[in-house]
PDB file of N, CA and C in Angstrom:
ATOM      1  N   MET A   1     124.471 101.318  87.774  1.00  0.00           N
ATOM      2  CA  MET A   1     125.838 101.605  87.405  1.00  0.00           C
ATOM      3  C   MET A   1     126.453 100.347  86.799  1.00  0.00           C
ATOM      4  N   GLN A   2     127.285 100.542  85.815  1.00  0.00           N
ATOM      5  CA  GLN A   2     127.972  99.429  85.158  1.00  0.00           C
ATOM      6  C   GLN A   2     129.081  98.887  86.071  1.00  0.00           C
ATOM      7  N   ALA A   3     129.536  97.680  85.775  1.00  0.00           N
ATOM      8  CA  ALA A   3     130.587  97.045  86.581  1.00  0.00           C
ATOM      9  C   ALA A   3     131.858  97.888  86.606  1.00  0.00           C
ATOM     10  N   GLU A   4     132.209  98.473  85.457  1.00  0.00           N
ATOM     11  CA  GLU A   4     133.418  99.302  85.381  1.00  0.00           C
ATOM     12  C   GLU A   4     133.284 100.531  86.290  1.00  0.00           C
ATOM     13  N   GLY A   5     132.104 101.101  86.304  1.00  0.00           N
ATOM     14  CA  GLY A   5     131.860 102.267  87.156  1.00  0.00           C
ATOM     15  C   GLY A   5     131.940 101.918  88.629  1.00  0.00           C
ATOM     16  N   LEU A   6     131.408 100.766  88.997  1.00  0.00           N
ATOM     17  CA  LEU A   6     131.483 100.314  90.384  1.00  0.00           C
ATOM     18  C   LEU A   6     132.934 100.067  90.802  1.00  0.00           C
ATOM     19  N   GLN A   7     133.731  99.494  89.889  1.00  0.00           N
ATOM     20  CA  GLN A   7     135.140  99.263  90.189  1.00  0.00           C
ATOM     21  C   GLN A   7     135.878 100.592  90.381  1.00  0.00           C
ATOM     22  N   ALA A   8     135.615 101.540  89.504  1.00  0.00           N
ATOM     23  CA  ALA A   8     136.258 102.847  89.615  1.00  0.00           C
ATOM     24  C   ALA A   8     135.854 103.532  90.921  1.00  0.00           C
ATOM     25  N   TYR A   9     134.588 103.428  91.278  1.00  0.00           N
ATOM     26  CA  TYR A   9     134.101 104.031  92.514  1.00  0.00           C
ATOM     27  C   TYR A   9     134.781 103.388  93.720  1.00  0.00           C
ATOM     28  N   ALA A  10     134.950 102.069  93.689  1.00  0.00           N
ATOM     29  CA  ALA A  10     135.592 101.354  94.793  1.00  0.00           C
ATOM     30  C   ALA A  10     137.056 101.749  94.948  1.00  0.00           C
ATOM     31  N   LYS A  11     137.699 102.144  93.858  1.00  0.00           N
ATOM     32  CA  LYS A  11     139.119 102.507  93.890  1.00  0.00           C
ATOM     33  C   LYS A  11     139.357 103.989  94.226  1.00  0.00           C
ATOM     34  N   ARG A  12     138.275 104.754  94.406  1.00  0.00           N
ATOM     35  CA  ARG A  12     138.438 106.189  94.632  1.00  0.00           C
ATOM     36  C   ARG A  12     139.257 106.447  95.898  1.00  0.00           C
ATOM     37  N   SER A  13     139.875 107.578  95.935  1.00  0.00           N
ATOM     38  CA  SER A  13     140.702 107.961  97.069  1.00  0.00           C
ATOM     39  C   SER A  13     139.946 108.978  97.923  1.00  0.00           C
ATOM     40  N   GLU A  14     139.769 108.685  99.182  1.00  0.00           N
ATOM     41  CA  GLU A  14     139.102 109.621 100.090  1.00  0.00           C
ATOM     42  C   GLU A  14     139.908 110.914 100.221  1.00  0.00           C
ATOM     43  N   LYS A  15     141.209 110.802 100.015  1.00  0.00           N
ATOM     44  CA  LYS A  15     142.087 111.971 100.102  1.00  0.00           C
ATOM     45  C   LYS A  15     141.705 113.024  99.056  1.00  0.00           C
ATOM     46  N   LYS A  16     141.190 112.569  97.923  1.00  0.00           N
ATOM     47  CA  LYS A  16     140.819 113.482  96.846  1.00  0.00           C
ATOM     48  C   LYS A  16     139.332 113.820  96.859  1.00  0.00           C
ATOM     49  N   SER A  17     138.613 113.357  97.860  1.00  0.00           N
ATOM     50  CA  SER A  17     137.183 113.634  97.962  1.00  0.00           C
ATOM     51  C   SER A  17     136.958 114.827  98.887  1.00  0.00           C
ATOM     52  N   GLY A  18     135.982 115.633  98.558  1.00  0.00           N
ATOM     53  CA  GLY A  18     135.614 116.750  99.416  1.00  0.00           C
ATOM     54  C   GLY A  18     136.589 117.906  99.399  1.00  0.00           C
ATOM     55  N   VAL A  19     137.356 118.058  98.335  1.00  0.00           N
ATOM     56  CA  VAL A  19     138.359 119.115  98.287  1.00  0.00           C
ATOM     57  C   VAL A  19     137.861 120.386  97.611  1.00  0.00           C
ATOM     58  N   TYR A  20     136.690 120.351  97.013  1.00  0.00           N
ATOM     59  CA  TYR A  20     136.156 121.520  96.320  1.00  0.00           C
ATOM     60  C   TYR A  20     135.128 122.221  97.196  1.00  0.00           C
ATOM     61  N   SER A  21     134.948 123.511  96.971  1.00  0.00           N
ATOM     62  CA  SER A  21     134.042 124.283  97.822  1.00  0.00           C
ATOM     63  C   SER A  21     132.631 123.724  97.818  1.00  0.00           C
ATOM     64  N   PHE A  22     132.146 123.261  96.672  1.00  0.00           N
ATOM     65  CA  PHE A  22     130.776 122.758  96.609  1.00  0.00           C
ATOM     66  C   PHE A  22     130.602 121.436  97.343  1.00  0.00           C
ATOM     67  N   GLU A  23     131.704 120.773  97.695  1.00  0.00           N
ATOM     68  CA  GLU A  23     131.637 119.499  98.405  1.00  0.00           C
ATOM     69  C   GLU A  23     131.695 119.675  99.923  1.00  0.00           C
ATOM     70  N   GLN A  24     131.913 120.887 100.372  1.00  0.00           N
ATOM     71  CA  GLN A  24     132.046 121.123 101.798  1.00  0.00           C
ATOM     72  C   GLN A  24     130.686 121.041 102.470  1.00  0.00           C
ATOM     73  N   ARG A  25     130.590 120.239 103.485  1.00  0.00           N
ATOM     74  CA  ARG A  25     129.328 120.061 104.211  1.00  0.00           C
ATOM     75  C   ARG A  25     129.120 121.198 105.219  1.00  0.00           C
ATOM     76  N   ASP A  26     130.198 121.634 105.841  1.00  0.00           N
ATOM     77  CA  ASP A  26     130.109 122.698 106.831  1.00  0.00           C
ATOM     78  C   ASP A  26     130.139 124.052 106.144  1.00  0.00           C
ATOM     79  N   GLU A  27     129.714 125.053 106.872  1.00  0.00           N
ATOM     80  CA  GLU A  27     129.746 126.400 106.332  1.00  0.00           C
ATOM     81  C   GLU A  27     131.197 126.833 106.160  1.00  0.00           C
ATOM     82  N   ILE A  28     131.500 127.401 105.019  1.00  0.00           N
ATOM     83  CA  ILE A  28     132.846 127.880 104.747  1.00  0.00           C
ATOM     84  C   ILE A  28     132.982 129.268 105.360  1.00  0.00           C
ATOM     85  N   LYS A  29     134.014 129.449 106.195  1.00  0.00           N
ATOM     86  CA  LYS A  29     134.202 130.724 106.894  1.00  0.00           C
ATOM     87  C   LYS A  29     135.664 131.139 106.858  1.00  0.00           C
ATOM     88  N   PHE A  30     135.867 132.450 107.008  1.00  0.00           N
ATOM     89  CA  PHE A  30     137.215 132.967 107.224  1.00  0.00           C
ATOM     90  C   PHE A  30     137.676 132.545 108.607  1.00  0.00           C
ATOM     91  N   ASP A  31     138.991 132.434 108.785  1.00  0.00           N
ATOM     92  CA  ASP A  31     139.480 132.260 110.145  1.00  0.00           C
ATOM     93  C   ASP A  31     139.341 133.622 110.847  1.00  0.00           C
ATOM     94  N   GLU A  32     139.457 133.625 112.141  1.00  0.00           N
ATOM     95  CA  GLU A  32     139.191 134.839 112.928  1.00  0.00           C
ATOM     96  C   GLU A  32     140.073 136.014 112.515  1.00  0.00           C
ATOM     97  N   ALA A  33     141.360 135.767 112.313  1.00  0.00           N
ATOM     98  CA  ALA A  33     142.286 136.843 111.954  1.00  0.00           C
ATOM     99  C   ALA A  33     141.944 137.445 110.586  1.00  0.00           C
ATOM    100  N   SER A  34     141.615 136.592 109.627  1.00  0.00           N
ATOM    101  CA  SER A  34     141.272 137.078 108.288  1.00  0.00           C
ATOM    102  C   SER A  34     139.981 137.884 108.321  1.00  0.00           C
ATOM    103  N   GLU A  35     139.011 137.401 109.075  1.00  0.00           N
ATOM    104  CA  GLU A  35     137.739 138.116 109.159  1.00  0.00           C
ATOM    105  C   GLU A  35     137.932 139.481 109.820  1.00  0.00           C
ATOM    106  N   GLN A  36     138.744 139.545 110.855  1.00  0.00           N
ATOM    107  CA  GLN A  36     139.005 140.824 111.517  1.00  0.00           C
ATOM    108  C   GLN A  36     139.708 141.796 110.570  1.00  0.00           C
ATOM    109  N   GLN A  37     140.657 141.276 109.793  1.00  0.00           N
ATOM    110  CA  GLN A  37     141.362 142.126 108.828  1.00  0.00           C
ATOM    111  C   GLN A  37     140.379 142.677 107.798  1.00  0.00           C
ATOM    112  N   PHE A  38     139.484 141.829 107.314  1.00  0.00           N
ATOM    113  CA  PHE A  38     138.495 142.249 106.326  1.00  0.00           C
ATOM    114  C   PHE A  38     137.535 143.268 106.949  1.00  0.00           C
ATOM    115  N   GLN A  39     137.067 143.017 108.150  1.00  0.00           N
ATOM    116  CA  GLN A  39     136.119 143.900 108.814  1.00  0.00           C
ATOM    117  C   GLN A  39     136.720 145.256 109.149  1.00  0.00           C
ATOM    118  N   SER A  40     138.040 145.339 109.203  1.00  0.00           N
ATOM    119  CA  SER A  40     138.681 146.623 109.495  1.00  0.00           C
ATOM    120  C   SER A  40     138.444 147.632 108.369  1.00  0.00           C
ATOM    121  N   ASN A  41     138.123 147.137 107.168  1.00  0.00           N
ATOM    122  CA  ASN A  41     137.742 148.012 106.059  1.00  0.00           C
ATOM    123  C   ASN A  41     136.226 147.870 105.900  1.00  0.00           C
ATOM    124  N   GLN A  42     135.493 148.750 106.578  1.00  0.00           N
ATOM    125  CA  GLN A  42     134.032 148.625 106.647  1.00  0.00           C
ATOM    126  C   GLN A  42     133.366 148.697 105.281  1.00  0.00           C
ATOM    127  N   ILE A  43     133.863 149.545 104.391  1.00  0.00           N
ATOM    128  CA  ILE A  43     133.279 149.673 103.050  1.00  0.00           C
ATOM    129  C   ILE A  43     133.406 148.349 102.295  1.00  0.00           C
ATOM    130  N   ALA A  44     134.600 147.763 102.337  1.00  0.00           N
ATOM    131  CA  ALA A  44     134.838 146.487 101.645  1.00  0.00           C
ATOM    132  C   ALA A  44     133.984 145.381 102.263  1.00  0.00           C
ATOM    133  N   TRP A  45     133.927 145.342 103.591  1.00  0.00           N
ATOM    134  CA  TRP A  45     133.169 144.308 104.288  1.00  0.00           C
ATOM    135  C   TRP A  45     131.686 144.404 103.946  1.00  0.00           C
ATOM    136  N   ASP A  46     131.139 145.610 103.946  1.00  0.00           N
ATOM    137  CA  ASP A  46     129.721 145.802 103.611  1.00  0.00           C
ATOM    138  C   ASP A  46     129.429 145.383 102.176  1.00  0.00           C
ATOM    139  N   PHE A  47     130.306 145.781 101.244  1.00  0.00           N
ATOM    140  CA  PHE A  47     130.115 145.396  99.845  1.00  0.00           C
ATOM    141  C   PHE A  47     130.129 143.875  99.701  1.00  0.00           C
ATOM    142  N   PHE A  48     131.113 143.232 100.308  1.00  0.00           N
ATOM    143  CA  PHE A  48     131.257 141.778 100.212  1.00  0.00           C
ATOM    144  C   PHE A  48     130.011 141.068 100.756  1.00  0.00           C
ATOM    145  N   ASN A  49     129.491 141.534 101.870  1.00  0.00           N
ATOM    146  CA  ASN A  49     128.335 140.880 102.482  1.00  0.00           C
ATOM    147  C   ASN A  49     127.033 141.128 101.740  1.00  0.00           C
ATOM    148  N   LYS A  50     127.013 142.086 100.825  1.00  0.00           N
ATOM    149  CA  LYS A  50     125.830 142.332 100.002  1.00  0.00           C
ATOM    150  C   LYS A  50     125.816 141.445  98.756  1.00  0.00           C
ATOM    151  N   GLN A  51     126.899 140.740  98.513  1.00  0.00           N
ATOM    152  CA  GLN A  51     126.999 139.870  97.345  1.00  0.00           C
ATOM    153  C   GLN A  51     126.278 138.550  97.617  1.00  0.00           C
ATOM    154  N   PRO A  52     125.888 137.832  96.560  1.00  0.00           N
ATOM    155  CA  PRO A  52     125.213 136.537  96.741  1.00  0.00           C
ATOM    156  C   PRO A  52     126.087 135.544  97.513  1.00  0.00           C
ATOM    157  N   GLU A  53     125.427 134.658  98.223  1.00  0.00           N
ATOM    158  CA  GLU A  53     126.144 133.666  99.032  1.00  0.00           C
ATOM    159  C   GLU A  53     127.094 132.823  98.184  1.00  0.00           C
ATOM    160  N   SER A  54     126.690 132.491  96.968  1.00  0.00           N
ATOM    161  CA  SER A  54     127.537 131.665  96.105  1.00  0.00           C
ATOM    162  C   SER A  54     128.851 132.373  95.789  1.00  0.00           C
ATOM    163  N   TYR A  55     128.786 133.686  95.575  1.00  0.00           N
ATOM    164  CA  TYR A  55     130.004 134.470  95.312  1.00  0.00           C
ATOM    165  C   TYR A  55     130.880 134.503  96.561  1.00  0.00           C
ATOM    166  N   ARG A  56     130.283 134.785  97.706  1.00  0.00           N
ATOM    167  CA  ARG A  56     131.055 134.864  98.952  1.00  0.00           C
ATOM    168  C   ARG A  56     131.718 133.527  99.258  1.00  0.00           C
ATOM    169  N   LYS A  57     130.958 132.450  99.106  1.00  0.00           N
ATOM    170  CA  LYS A  57     131.489 131.115  99.407  1.00  0.00           C
ATOM    171  C   LYS A  57     132.677 130.783  98.503  1.00  0.00           C
ATOM    172  N   LYS A  58     132.545 131.103  97.226  1.00  0.00           N
ATOM    173  CA  LYS A  58     133.623 130.814  96.272  1.00  0.00           C
ATOM    174  C   LYS A  58     134.893 131.590  96.624  1.00  0.00           C
ATOM    175  N   LEU A  59     134.743 132.863  96.967  1.00  0.00           N
ATOM    176  CA  LEU A  59     135.911 133.687  97.273  1.00  0.00           C
ATOM    177  C   LEU A  59     136.530 133.317  98.612  1.00  0.00           C
ATOM    178  N   ILE A  60     135.704 133.003  99.601  1.00  0.00           N
ATOM    179  CA  ILE A  60     136.252 132.571 100.892  1.00  0.00           C
ATOM    180  C   ILE A  60     137.033 131.275 100.700  1.00  0.00           C
ATOM    181  N   TRP A  61     136.472 130.358  99.931  1.00  0.00           N
ATOM    182  CA  TRP A  61     137.178 129.085  99.685  1.00  0.00           C
ATOM    183  C   TRP A  61     138.491 129.332  98.946  1.00  0.00           C
ATOM    184  N   TRP A  62     138.483 130.240  97.983  1.00  0.00           N
ATOM    185  CA  TRP A  62     139.689 130.575  97.230  1.00  0.00           C
ATOM    186  C   TRP A  62     140.785 131.045  98.187  1.00  0.00           C
ATOM    187  N   ILE A  63     140.396 131.794  99.198  1.00  0.00           N
ATOM    188  CA  ILE A  63     141.377 132.313 100.153  1.00  0.00           C
ATOM    189  C   ILE A  63     141.822 131.235 101.130  1.00  0.00           C
ATOM    190  N   ILE A  64     140.881 130.558 101.775  1.00  0.00           N
ATOM    191  CA  ILE A  64     141.266 129.621 102.836  1.00  0.00           C
ATOM    192  C   ILE A  64     141.895 128.336 102.308  1.00  0.00           C
ATOM    193  N   SER A  65     141.743 128.063 101.022  1.00  0.00           N
ATOM    194  CA  SER A  65     142.326 126.835 100.469  1.00  0.00           C
ATOM    195  C   SER A  65     143.774 127.021 100.020  1.00  0.00           C
ATOM    196  N   ALA A  66     144.302 128.240 100.149  1.00  0.00           N
ATOM    197  CA  ALA A  66     145.700 128.481  99.767  1.00  0.00           C
ATOM    198  C   ALA A  66     146.622 127.642 100.653  1.00  0.00           C
ATOM    199  N   LYS A  67     147.634 127.073 100.053  1.00  0.00           N
ATOM    200  CA  LYS A  67     148.555 126.224 100.803  1.00  0.00           C
ATOM    201  C   LYS A  67     149.553 127.035 101.620  1.00  0.00           C
ATOM    202  N   LYS A  68     149.982 128.167 101.093  1.00  0.00           N
ATOM    203  CA  LYS A  68     150.947 129.016 101.791  1.00  0.00           C
ATOM    204  C   LYS A  68     150.235 130.190 102.445  1.00  0.00           C
ATOM    205  N   GLU A  69     150.678 130.539 103.630  1.00  0.00           N
ATOM    206  CA  GLU A  69     150.104 131.684 104.347  1.00  0.00           C
ATOM    207  C   GLU A  69     150.289 132.971 103.538  1.00  0.00           C
ATOM    208  N   GLU A  70     151.423 133.086 102.880  1.00  0.00           N
ATOM    209  CA  GLU A  70     151.711 134.256 102.039  1.00  0.00           C
ATOM    210  C   GLU A  70     150.662 134.401 100.928  1.00  0.00           C
ATOM    211  N   THR A  71     150.319 133.309 100.302  1.00  0.00           N
ATOM    212  CA  THR A  71     149.311 133.311  99.234  1.00  0.00           C
ATOM    213  C   THR A  71     147.952 133.680  99.800  1.00  0.00           C
ATOM    214  N   LYS A  72     147.617 133.120 100.937  1.00  0.00           N
ATOM    215  CA  LYS A  72     146.341 133.408 101.588  1.00  0.00           C
ATOM    216  C   LYS A  72     146.207 134.905 101.873  1.00  0.00           C
ATOM    217  N   LEU A  73     147.248 135.502 102.429  1.00  0.00           N
ATOM    218  CA  LEU A  73     147.211 136.927 102.755  1.00  0.00           C
ATOM    219  C   LEU A  73     147.145 137.790 101.499  1.00  0.00           C
ATOM    220  N   ASN A  74     147.843 137.371 100.456  1.00  0.00           N
ATOM    221  CA  ASN A  74     147.811 138.097  99.185  1.00  0.00           C
ATOM    222  C   ASN A  74     146.403 138.060  98.577  1.00  0.00           C
ATOM    223  N   ARG A  75     145.786 136.902  98.605  1.00  0.00           N
ATOM    224  CA  ARG A  75     144.435 136.766  98.058  1.00  0.00           C
ATOM    225  C   ARG A  75     143.436 137.596  98.864  1.00  0.00           C
ATOM    226  N   LEU A  76     143.573 137.572 100.175  1.00  0.00           N
ATOM    227  CA  LEU A  76     142.683 138.355 101.027  1.00  0.00           C
ATOM    228  C   LEU A  76     142.843 139.844 100.732  1.00  0.00           C
ATOM    229  N   SER A  77     144.067 140.295 100.562  1.00  0.00           N
ATOM    230  CA  SER A  77     144.323 141.704 100.233  1.00  0.00           C
ATOM    231  C   SER A  77     143.684 142.087  98.905  1.00  0.00           C
ATOM    232  N   GLN A  78     143.775 141.194  97.926  1.00  0.00           N
ATOM    233  CA  GLN A  78     143.153 141.449  96.623  1.00  0.00           C
ATOM    234  C   GLN A  78     141.637 141.569  96.761  1.00  0.00           C
ATOM    235  N   LEU A  79     141.038 140.671  97.528  1.00  0.00           N
ATOM    236  CA  LEU A  79     139.589 140.701  97.714  1.00  0.00           C
ATOM    237  C   LEU A  79     139.163 141.980  98.431  1.00  0.00           C
ATOM    238  N   ILE A  80     139.892 142.363  99.454  1.00  0.00           N
ATOM    239  CA  ILE A  80     139.566 143.587 100.189  1.00  0.00           C
ATOM    240  C   ILE A  80     139.659 144.798  99.268  1.00  0.00           C
ATOM    241  N   ALA A  81     140.725 144.875  98.467  1.00  0.00           N
ATOM    242  CA  ALA A  81     140.913 146.012  97.559  1.00  0.00           C
ATOM    243  C   ALA A  81     139.770 146.083  96.527  1.00  0.00           C
ATOM    244  N   HIS A  82     139.431 144.963  95.936  1.00  0.00           N
ATOM    245  CA  HIS A  82     138.338 144.944  94.955  1.00  0.00           C
ATOM    246  C   HIS A  82     137.012 145.337  95.610  1.00  0.00           C
ATOM    247  N   SER A  83     136.757 144.780  96.779  1.00  0.00           N
ATOM    248  CA  SER A  83     135.506 145.065  97.475  1.00  0.00           C
ATOM    249  C   SER A  83     135.427 146.531  97.890  1.00  0.00           C
ATOM    250  N   ALA A  84     136.538 147.096  98.308  1.00  0.00           N
ATOM    251  CA  ALA A  84     136.566 148.504  98.706  1.00  0.00           C
ATOM    252  C   ALA A  84     136.247 149.414  97.524  1.00  0.00           C
ATOM    253  N   ASP A  85     136.600 148.967  96.330  1.00  0.00           N
ATOM    254  CA  ASP A  85     136.308 149.728  95.097  1.00  0.00           C
ATOM    255  C   ASP A  85     134.914 149.416  94.559  1.00  0.00           C
ATOM    256  N   GLY A  86     134.191 148.536  95.251  1.00  0.00           N
ATOM    257  CA  GLY A  86     132.851 148.160  94.798  1.00  0.00           C
ATOM    258  C   GLY A  86     132.862 147.269  93.585  1.00  0.00           C
ATOM    259  N   LYS A  87     133.937 146.489  93.444  1.00  0.00           N
ATOM    260  CA  LYS A  87     134.076 145.601  92.289  1.00  0.00           C
ATOM    261  C   LYS A  87     134.124 144.155  92.745  1.00  0.00           C
ATOM    262  N   ARG A  88     133.551 143.294  91.919  1.00  0.00           N
ATOM    263  CA  ARG A  88     133.651 141.857  92.168  1.00  0.00           C
ATOM    264  C   ARG A  88     134.889 141.321  91.460  1.00  0.00           C
ATOM    265  N   MET A  89     135.421 140.247  91.996  1.00  0.00           N
ATOM    266  CA  MET A  89     136.615 139.638  91.395  1.00  0.00           C
ATOM    267  C   MET A  89     136.210 138.692  90.292  1.00  0.00           C
TER     268      MET A  89
END
């Protein structure tokens, strides 16, 4: 690495590191309440779980990374509706 690159790396902010779904070390999961809400629609839940892991991970992250609870619930409702119709988002 060049000197400029090393300097930039040294100045990085940990606050901005690990904020994207692909940077998460742990398994990305719904919280218990969201998962129960999703599971209450068995057709949607089955469709969602048949999708590739990369798709599920991206959509779960999209939901759980919402800053407002209202946004999180809205996104979850959208995912459930699409999944119930057998459609991907």
